[in-house]
Amino acid sequence: MTNQELLKIAGEYGTPVYVYETEKIREQYEKLTKSFDGKTRFFYAAKALTNINILKYIQKLGANIDCVSIHEVNLGLKAGFTPEKILFTPNCVDITEIEEAMKLGVHINIDNISILEQFGNKYGNSYPVFIRINPHIFAGGNYKISTGHIDSKFGISIHQLRHIQRIVKTTGLRVEGLHMHTGSEIKDIDVFIQGLEIMFEMVEDFPDLKYIDMGSGFKVPYQEGELETDVKTLGKKVLKAVNDFKKESGKDFELWFEPGKYLVSECGHFLVRANVIKQTTATVFVGVNSGFNHLIRPMFYDSYHKIENLSNPNGPERIYTVVGNICETDTFAWDRKINEVREGDVLVFRNAGAYGFEMSSNFNSRLKPAEVMVMDGKVHLIRKRDVFEDLLKNQIEVL
């Protein structure tokens, strides 16, 4: 989208506002489908962005969906995904949530010994499951988003394989899928091949196996010069590894991936307005009309988002620290070069589609922003901006 188009949206819908371009989602999805063979399926990791319109658009592209809560499962169904196209991968939930998913007929992925044993004792081979393995591979751009290392809460340790085998044998569990996810922001595609080799070693233990799910972690560039995960090369390497294994073992299965950020990060633009320019003895702050209540990633993960001045794109570059209006330290960027910012200018944060609105809150009793979707050149409001009454919506006054 052009700067002028974004400024027009800011003028019509106000700021802060999230803007999503569906064309970018389609572009990213097609990169994946063209890079892997037809037996590979892609499950959108819904936790990245769950606006129902985004889910419906991704469903129409032909994707499947990966859900981490029963409510995401229900959102997926509402968006038009059939149960066969939904994978439910919860973490540390009670078995009753697993049972709710069973009633809906979706694929179920179990990630701990306790639930695996409870499920096996109660249901035996009556309902097929996936098992999530922790391969103890450290991968990802930040420890907080790496999920395959030895201290991670996710998955069942590869070293507990014997325990898994005993449960499967004694309860009759039908294991149709094996799953692993090592983290986000993976630059080294050989991490996926390493994980795939670990999965191959386990195939013999599960005669009913139909699916191997490698999770995701595909990287998108946040800064100039950063690389995106080379999915074309990965697709070739994966195809060779799978075909070689098939020749050696005679085993065949579908390969699944779960892209989330990869599909929606770059589609998102977060627009804010400069409230004040505040100069101290050491720093020039741009204080904007948002905070980590709307975009927490920079404070949570030290993530980088490119920030541009849409209102003064040709102004001289100056050094600013961009901060929010929350009564906490909520710094979006330290010592960032931005075209001169004046009070009232509209700034844009790029790559804001994933884990932006999705992780927002009403901290400081501030209102959540609007969401806008741009599809086929048309602008659609897909979430109204909060109003004051929304803060009290579920409160019960007893005084």
Protein backbone atom coordinates (compact mmCIF):
# COMPACT_ATOMS: atom_id res chain seq x y z
CA MET A 1 0.00 0.00 0.00
CA THR A 2 1.14 3.55 -0.66
CA ASN A 3 1.74 6.05 2.12
CA GLN A 4 -1.16 8.13 0.84
CA GLU A 5 -3.53 5.16 1.04
CA LEU A 6 -2.47 4.50 4.63
CA LEU A 7 -2.86 8.18 5.52
CA LYS A 8 -6.37 8.12 4.06
CA ILE A 9 -7.24 5.12 6.28
CA ALA A 10 -5.81 6.94 9.32
CA GLY A 11 -7.95 9.95 8.46
CA GLU A 12 -11.12 7.90 8.00
CA TYR A 13 -10.80 5.43 10.87
CA GLY A 14 -8.56 7.32 13.27
CA THR A 15 -5.47 6.06 15.07
CA PRO A 16 -4.25 3.76 16.43
CA VAL A 17 -5.44 1.32 13.78
CA TYR A 18 -4.21 -2.00 12.38
CA VAL A 19 -4.35 -2.35 8.59
CA TYR A 20 -4.03 -5.76 6.87
CA GLU A 21 -3.38 -6.32 3.15
CA THR A 22 -4.82 -9.66 2.05
CA GLU A 23 -2.76 -9.65 -1.15
CA LYS A 24 0.41 -10.10 0.94
CA ILE A 25 -1.13 -13.09 2.74
CA ARG A 26 -1.93 -14.71 -0.62
CA GLU A 27 1.58 -14.00 -1.88
CA GLN A 28 3.17 -15.67 1.15
CA TYR A 29 0.84 -18.67 0.98
CA GLU A 30 1.62 -19.21 -2.70
CA LYS A 31 5.35 -19.09 -1.97
CA LEU A 32 4.83 -22.11 0.27
CA THR A 33 2.55 -24.09 -2.00
CA LYS A 34 4.89 -23.57 -4.97
CA SER A 35 7.95 -24.60 -2.95
CA PHE A 36 6.69 -27.96 -1.67
CA ASP A 37 5.14 -30.95 -3.39
CA GLY A 38 1.40 -31.56 -3.43
CA LYS A 39 1.44 -33.96 -0.46
CA THR A 40 2.54 -31.16 1.87
CA ARG A 41 -0.25 -29.40 3.78
CA PHE A 42 -0.07 -26.01 5.47
CA PHE A 43 -1.95 -25.23 8.67
CA TYR A 44 -2.19 -21.53 9.48
CA ALA A 45 -1.14 -21.00 13.12
CA ALA A 46 -4.19 -19.00 14.13
CA LYS A 47 -2.64 -17.59 17.30
CA ALA A 48 -0.80 -15.05 15.14
CA LEU A 49 -4.02 -13.25 14.13
CA THR A 50 -7.57 -14.50 14.63
CA ASN A 51 -9.85 -11.83 13.24
CA ILE A 52 -12.65 -13.87 11.67
CA ASN A 53 -12.23 -12.12 8.32
CA ILE A 54 -8.55 -13.03 8.14
CA LEU A 55 -9.42 -16.63 9.01
CA LYS A 56 -12.08 -16.74 6.29
CA TYR A 57 -9.67 -15.32 3.73
CA ILE A 58 -6.99 -17.88 4.60
CA GLN A 59 -9.57 -20.68 4.45
CA LYS A 60 -10.54 -19.58 0.94
CA LEU A 61 -6.90 -19.77 -0.12
CA GLY A 62 -7.13 -23.51 0.58
CA ALA A 63 -5.12 -23.62 3.80
CA ASN A 64 -5.82 -25.65 6.91
CA ILE A 65 -5.67 -24.23 10.46
CA ASP A 66 -3.66 -24.96 13.61
CA CYS A 67 -5.43 -24.05 16.87
CA VAL A 68 -4.06 -23.87 20.41
CA SER A 69 -7.32 -23.41 22.33
CA ILE A 70 -10.81 -24.81 22.02
CA HIS A 71 -12.02 -21.31 21.25
CA GLU A 72 -9.63 -21.06 18.30
CA VAL A 73 -11.08 -24.39 17.13
CA ASN A 74 -14.57 -22.93 17.25
CA LEU A 75 -13.38 -19.79 15.44
CA GLY A 76 -11.89 -22.05 12.76
CA LEU A 77 -15.17 -23.89 12.33
CA LYS A 78 -17.05 -20.59 12.16
CA ALA A 79 -14.62 -19.38 9.49
CA GLY A 80 -15.45 -22.40 7.33
CA PHE A 81 -12.63 -24.84 8.06
CA THR A 82 -13.94 -28.42 8.18
CA PRO A 83 -12.87 -30.59 11.16
CA GLU A 84 -10.49 -32.57 8.95
CA LYS A 85 -8.64 -29.30 8.21
CA ILE A 86 -8.22 -28.35 11.89
CA LEU A 87 -5.34 -29.43 14.12
CA PHE A 88 -5.79 -28.81 17.85
CA THR A 89 -2.43 -28.43 19.64
CA PRO A 90 -3.10 -27.23 23.19
CA ASN A 91 -0.57 -26.95 25.98
CA CYS A 92 -1.15 -27.72 29.66
CA VAL A 93 -4.93 -28.00 29.31
CA ASP A 94 -7.32 -30.22 31.23
CA ILE A 95 -8.52 -33.38 29.46
CA THR A 96 -12.03 -31.91 29.29
CA GLU A 97 -10.80 -29.45 26.67
CA ILE A 98 -9.36 -32.35 24.69
CA GLU A 99 -12.73 -34.09 24.96
CA GLU A 100 -14.52 -30.98 23.64
CA ALA A 101 -12.25 -31.11 20.59
CA MET A 102 -13.05 -34.82 20.14
CA LYS A 103 -16.74 -34.02 19.95
CA LEU A 104 -15.98 -31.55 17.17
CA GLY A 105 -14.06 -34.21 15.22
CA VAL A 106 -10.78 -32.33 14.73
CA HIS A 107 -7.22 -33.68 14.75
CA ILE A 108 -5.86 -33.74 18.31
CA ASN A 109 -2.21 -33.28 19.24
CA ILE A 110 -1.20 -34.37 22.77
CA ASP A 111 1.93 -32.85 24.27
CA ASN A 112 2.42 -34.44 27.70
CA ILE A 113 2.59 -37.90 29.27
CA SER A 114 -0.20 -37.27 31.78
CA ILE A 115 -2.88 -36.44 29.19
CA LEU A 116 -1.60 -39.13 26.84
CA GLU A 117 -2.08 -41.75 29.54
CA GLN A 118 -5.49 -40.40 30.62
CA PHE A 119 -6.67 -40.28 27.02
CA GLY A 120 -5.37 -43.76 26.24
CA ASN A 121 -6.97 -45.32 29.34
CA LYS A 122 -10.31 -43.67 28.60
CA TYR A 123 -10.58 -43.91 24.81
CA GLY A 124 -8.07 -46.53 23.65
CA ASN A 125 -7.94 -46.71 19.87
CA SER A 126 -11.39 -45.17 19.34
CA TYR A 127 -10.02 -41.74 18.37
CA PRO A 128 -6.69 -41.18 16.57
CA VAL A 129 -4.19 -38.71 18.00
CA PHE A 130 -0.96 -36.89 17.25
CA ILE A 131 1.90 -36.83 19.74
CA ARG A 132 4.00 -33.70 20.10
CA ILE A 133 7.67 -34.51 20.59
CA ASN A 134 10.28 -32.16 22.06
CA PRO A 135 13.40 -32.99 20.03
CA HIS A 136 15.72 -30.88 22.22
CA ILE A 137 16.81 -28.80 19.26
CA PHE A 138 17.44 -25.18 20.18
CA ALA A 139 16.18 -22.98 17.35
CA GLY A 140 14.68 -19.53 16.98
CA GLY A 141 15.67 -15.91 17.15
CA ASN A 142 14.93 -15.43 20.84
CA TYR A 143 14.97 -17.82 23.81
CA LYS A 144 11.40 -16.78 24.65
CA ILE A 145 10.14 -18.07 21.30
CA SER A 146 12.26 -21.22 21.12
CA THR A 147 10.14 -24.24 22.00
CA GLY A 148 12.30 -27.28 21.28
CA HIS A 149 15.06 -26.84 23.84
CA ILE A 150 15.49 -29.01 26.92
CA ASP A 151 13.86 -26.53 29.32
CA SER A 152 10.79 -25.93 27.18
CA LYS A 153 7.33 -26.78 28.52
CA PHE A 154 6.24 -27.88 25.03
CA GLY A 155 6.05 -31.48 23.89
CA ILE A 156 7.13 -34.82 25.33
CA SER A 157 10.87 -35.27 25.56
CA ILE A 158 12.45 -37.45 22.90
CA HIS A 159 14.15 -39.19 25.84
CA GLN A 160 10.72 -40.35 27.06
CA LEU A 161 10.05 -42.34 23.91
CA ARG A 162 10.11 -45.62 25.86
CA HIS A 163 7.41 -44.25 28.18
CA ILE A 164 5.31 -43.22 25.18
CA GLN A 165 5.70 -46.69 23.69
CA ARG A 166 4.47 -48.33 26.91
CA ILE A 167 1.36 -46.12 27.03
CA VAL A 168 0.56 -46.75 23.36
CA LYS A 169 1.00 -50.50 23.78
CA THR A 170 -0.97 -50.88 27.01
CA THR A 171 -3.87 -48.59 26.05
CA GLY A 172 -4.08 -49.38 22.33
CA LEU A 173 -3.76 -45.72 21.34
CA ARG A 174 -3.89 -45.11 17.60
CA VAL A 175 -1.13 -42.61 16.83
CA GLU A 176 -1.68 -41.16 13.35
CA GLY A 177 0.68 -38.21 13.60
CA LEU A 178 3.97 -37.07 15.08
CA HIS A 179 4.57 -33.38 15.66
CA MET A 180 7.45 -31.11 16.61
CA HIS A 181 7.99 -27.35 16.64
CA THR A 182 11.37 -25.96 17.60
CA GLY A 183 10.67 -22.22 17.62
CA SER A 184 10.20 -19.07 15.57
CA GLU A 185 12.54 -16.99 13.41
CA ILE A 186 14.51 -20.02 12.20
CA LYS A 187 17.19 -18.94 9.73
CA ASP A 188 18.96 -22.28 9.30
CA ILE A 189 16.75 -24.53 7.18
CA ASP A 190 18.86 -27.54 8.14
CA VAL A 191 17.15 -27.37 11.55
CA PHE A 192 14.02 -28.69 9.79
CA ILE A 193 15.97 -31.48 8.13
CA GLN A 194 17.54 -32.37 11.48
CA GLY A 195 14.06 -32.55 13.01
CA LEU A 196 12.78 -34.63 10.11
CA GLU A 197 15.59 -37.16 10.60
CA ILE A 198 14.57 -37.50 14.26
CA MET A 199 10.99 -38.14 13.15
CA PHE A 200 12.14 -40.79 10.65
CA GLU A 201 13.84 -42.68 13.48
CA MET A 202 10.49 -42.87 15.31
CA VAL A 203 8.28 -43.98 12.42
CA GLU A 204 8.77 -47.71 13.07
CA ASP A 205 7.31 -47.30 16.56
CA PHE A 206 3.95 -46.08 15.23
CA PRO A 207 2.47 -48.43 12.59
CA ASP A 208 -0.66 -46.28 12.11
CA LEU A 209 1.35 -43.17 11.25
CA LYS A 210 -0.10 -41.03 8.44
CA TYR A 211 1.24 -37.55 9.15
CA ILE A 212 4.48 -35.87 10.21
CA ASP A 213 4.08 -32.26 11.33
CA MET A 214 7.22 -30.12 11.44
CA GLY A 215 5.59 -27.06 13.01
CA SER A 216 6.93 -23.85 11.55
CA GLY A 217 9.26 -21.06 12.55
CA PHE A 218 9.67 -19.69 9.02
CA LYS A 219 11.37 -16.32 9.33
CA VAL A 220 10.25 -13.07 7.73
CA PRO A 221 12.56 -10.04 7.46
CA TYR A 222 11.91 -7.27 9.98
CA GLN A 223 14.97 -5.17 9.18
CA GLU A 224 16.56 -4.25 5.88
CA GLY A 225 19.16 -6.83 4.96
CA GLU A 226 17.54 -9.62 6.97
CA LEU A 227 16.79 -12.82 5.14
CA GLU A 228 13.51 -14.69 4.89
CA THR A 229 13.52 -18.46 5.37
CA ASP A 230 14.48 -19.94 2.00
CA VAL A 231 11.36 -22.05 1.53
CA LYS A 232 12.28 -23.02 -2.05
CA THR A 233 15.52 -24.65 -0.96
CA LEU A 234 13.80 -26.11 2.09
CA GLY A 235 11.11 -27.61 -0.13
CA LYS A 236 13.73 -29.32 -2.30
CA LYS A 237 15.66 -30.64 0.70
CA VAL A 238 12.51 -31.91 2.39
CA LEU A 239 11.29 -33.64 -0.77
CA LYS A 240 14.65 -35.39 -1.20
CA ALA A 241 14.74 -36.48 2.46
CA VAL A 242 11.17 -37.81 2.31
CA ASN A 243 11.71 -39.65 -0.98
CA ASP A 244 14.97 -41.20 0.24
CA PHE A 245 13.27 -42.38 3.40
CA LYS A 246 10.34 -43.77 1.43
CA LYS A 247 12.70 -45.83 -0.76
CA GLU A 248 14.55 -47.20 2.27
CA SER A 249 11.55 -47.94 4.47
CA GLY A 250 8.56 -48.28 2.17
CA LYS A 251 6.71 -45.85 4.49
CA ASP A 252 4.64 -43.02 3.12
CA PHE A 253 2.99 -40.11 4.93
CA GLU A 254 1.81 -36.52 4.50
CA LEU A 255 4.10 -33.74 5.65
CA TRP A 256 2.52 -30.78 7.47
CA PHE A 257 3.79 -27.30 8.38
CA GLU A 258 2.18 -24.60 10.53
CA PRO A 259 3.07 -21.12 9.25
CA GLY A 260 1.63 -18.25 11.28
CA LYS A 261 3.86 -15.20 11.32
CA TYR A 262 5.10 -16.13 7.84
CA LEU A 263 1.62 -15.63 6.40
CA VAL A 264 0.40 -12.53 8.22
CA SER A 265 3.32 -10.54 9.63
CA GLU A 266 4.13 -8.51 6.54
CA CYS A 267 0.48 -7.92 5.68
CA GLY A 268 0.07 -5.72 8.76
CA HIS A 269 0.66 -1.98 9.19
CA PHE A 270 0.06 -0.33 12.56
CA LEU A 271 -0.74 3.37 12.34
CA VAL A 272 -0.26 5.74 15.29
CA ARG A 273 -0.16 9.50 15.77
CA ALA A 274 2.62 11.52 17.39
CA ASN A 275 1.19 13.17 20.50
CA VAL A 276 4.28 15.01 21.72
CA ILE A 277 7.91 15.61 20.88
CA LYS A 278 9.71 15.63 24.23
CA GLN A 279 13.35 16.61 24.47
CA THR A 280 15.43 15.78 27.54
CA THR A 281 19.10 16.42 28.21
CA ALA A 282 19.99 13.14 26.48
CA THR A 283 17.10 12.02 24.27
CA VAL A 284 14.42 13.24 21.91
CA PHE A 285 11.25 11.23 22.50
CA VAL A 286 8.34 10.81 20.13
CA GLY A 287 5.38 10.03 22.36
CA VAL A 288 2.60 8.35 20.36
CA ASN A 289 -1.05 7.60 21.06
CA SER A 290 -0.45 3.91 21.68
CA GLY A 291 1.71 1.69 23.86
CA PHE A 292 2.55 -1.91 24.63
CA ASN A 293 -1.15 -2.39 25.33
CA HIS A 294 -1.51 -2.39 21.53
CA LEU A 295 1.86 -3.71 20.35
CA ILE A 296 3.75 -5.57 23.05
CA ARG A 297 6.35 -7.37 20.94
CA PRO A 298 9.14 -4.75 21.23
CA MET A 299 8.94 -4.81 25.04
CA PHE A 300 8.24 -8.55 25.28
CA TYR A 301 10.68 -9.94 22.72
CA ASP A 302 12.93 -6.95 21.93
CA SER A 303 11.49 -7.23 18.45
CA TYR A 304 12.29 -4.71 15.74
CA HIS A 305 9.59 -2.98 13.71
CA LYS A 306 10.52 -0.50 11.01
CA ILE A 307 8.92 2.88 11.82
CA GLU A 308 8.26 5.46 9.12
CA ASN A 309 6.77 8.95 9.16
CA LEU A 310 3.90 8.86 6.66
CA SER A 311 3.12 12.55 7.10
CA ASN A 312 6.64 13.84 6.42
CA PRO A 313 8.42 11.13 4.40
CA ASN A 314 10.92 13.58 2.85
CA GLY A 315 11.82 15.44 6.01
CA PRO A 316 15.42 15.41 7.28
CA GLU A 317 16.32 12.29 9.25
CA ARG A 318 16.65 12.76 12.99
CA ILE A 319 17.32 10.40 15.88
CA TYR A 320 14.30 9.59 18.06
CA THR A 321 13.29 7.21 20.79
CA VAL A 322 9.67 6.24 20.11
CA VAL A 323 7.60 5.60 23.24
CA GLY A 324 3.98 5.00 24.15
CA ASN A 325 1.43 6.60 26.46
CA ILE A 326 1.27 3.79 29.03
CA CYS A 327 2.24 4.29 32.68
CA GLU A 328 5.07 1.77 32.34
CA THR A 329 8.23 1.79 30.30
CA ASP A 330 6.85 1.06 26.85
CA THR A 331 9.58 1.82 24.35
CA PHE A 332 8.93 0.88 20.74
CA ALA A 333 12.37 1.91 19.46
CA TRP A 334 15.59 3.40 20.87
CA ASP A 335 17.69 5.89 18.89
CA ARG A 336 15.92 5.30 15.61
CA LYS A 337 16.51 7.33 12.46
CA ILE A 338 13.13 8.67 11.28
CA ASN A 339 12.23 11.53 8.96
CA GLU A 340 11.57 14.57 11.15
CA VAL A 341 8.50 13.99 13.31
CA ARG A 342 6.12 16.80 14.18
CA GLU A 343 3.30 16.63 16.69
CA GLY A 344 0.27 15.26 14.86
CA ASP A 345 2.25 13.26 12.27
CA VAL A 346 1.09 9.73 11.47
CA LEU A 347 3.72 7.01 11.91
CA VAL A 348 3.52 3.44 10.63
CA PHE A 349 4.99 0.31 12.22
CA ARG A 350 5.70 -2.29 9.54
CA ASN A 351 5.38 -6.08 9.92
CA ALA A 352 2.63 -5.68 12.48
CA GLY A 353 0.23 -8.38 11.33
CA ALA A 354 1.42 -11.17 13.63
CA TYR A 355 1.01 -10.98 17.41
CA GLY A 356 0.11 -7.30 17.23
CA PHE A 357 -3.60 -6.87 17.85
CA GLU A 358 -3.71 -10.51 18.96
CA MET A 359 -1.67 -9.74 22.10
CA SER A 360 -3.31 -6.37 22.81
CA SER A 361 -5.01 -5.50 26.08
CA ASN A 362 -6.92 -2.77 27.91
CA PHE A 363 -4.03 -2.04 30.27
CA ASN A 364 -4.34 1.41 31.89
CA SER A 365 -8.02 1.24 30.93
CA ARG A 366 -7.11 2.29 27.41
CA LEU A 367 -9.21 1.22 24.46
CA LYS A 368 -8.22 -1.40 21.89
CA PRO A 369 -7.71 -0.09 18.34
CA ALA A 370 -9.74 -0.70 15.22
CA GLU A 371 -8.75 -3.24 12.56
CA VAL A 372 -9.06 -2.65 8.81
CA MET A 373 -8.67 -5.14 5.97
CA VAL A 374 -7.77 -4.12 2.41
CA MET A 375 -8.89 -6.68 -0.17
CA ASP A 376 -9.09 -6.25 -3.95
CA GLY A 377 -8.44 -2.54 -3.52
CA LYS A 378 -11.40 -2.08 -1.15
CA VAL A 379 -11.05 -1.00 2.47
CA HIS A 380 -13.18 -2.83 5.05
CA LEU A 381 -13.52 -2.06 8.76
CA ILE A 382 -13.29 -5.52 10.38
CA ARG A 383 -13.21 -4.53 14.04
CA LYS A 384 -14.65 -1.40 15.59
CA ARG A 385 -12.48 0.62 17.91
CA ASP A 386 -13.33 0.02 21.57
CA VAL A 387 -15.56 2.55 23.31
CA PHE A 388 -15.62 3.32 27.03
CA GLU A 389 -18.55 0.95 27.62
CA ASP A 390 -16.40 -1.97 26.45
CA LEU A 391 -14.25 -1.57 29.56
CA LEU A 392 -17.29 -2.27 31.74
CA LYS A 393 -18.97 -4.84 29.49
CA ASN A 394 -18.33 -7.90 31.67
CA GLN A 395 -18.02 -6.19 35.02
CA ILE A 396 -20.78 -6.60 37.60
CA GLU A 397 -21.37 -3.60 39.84
CA VAL A 398 -22.26 -4.60 43.39
CA LEU A 399 -21.72 -1.25 45.12
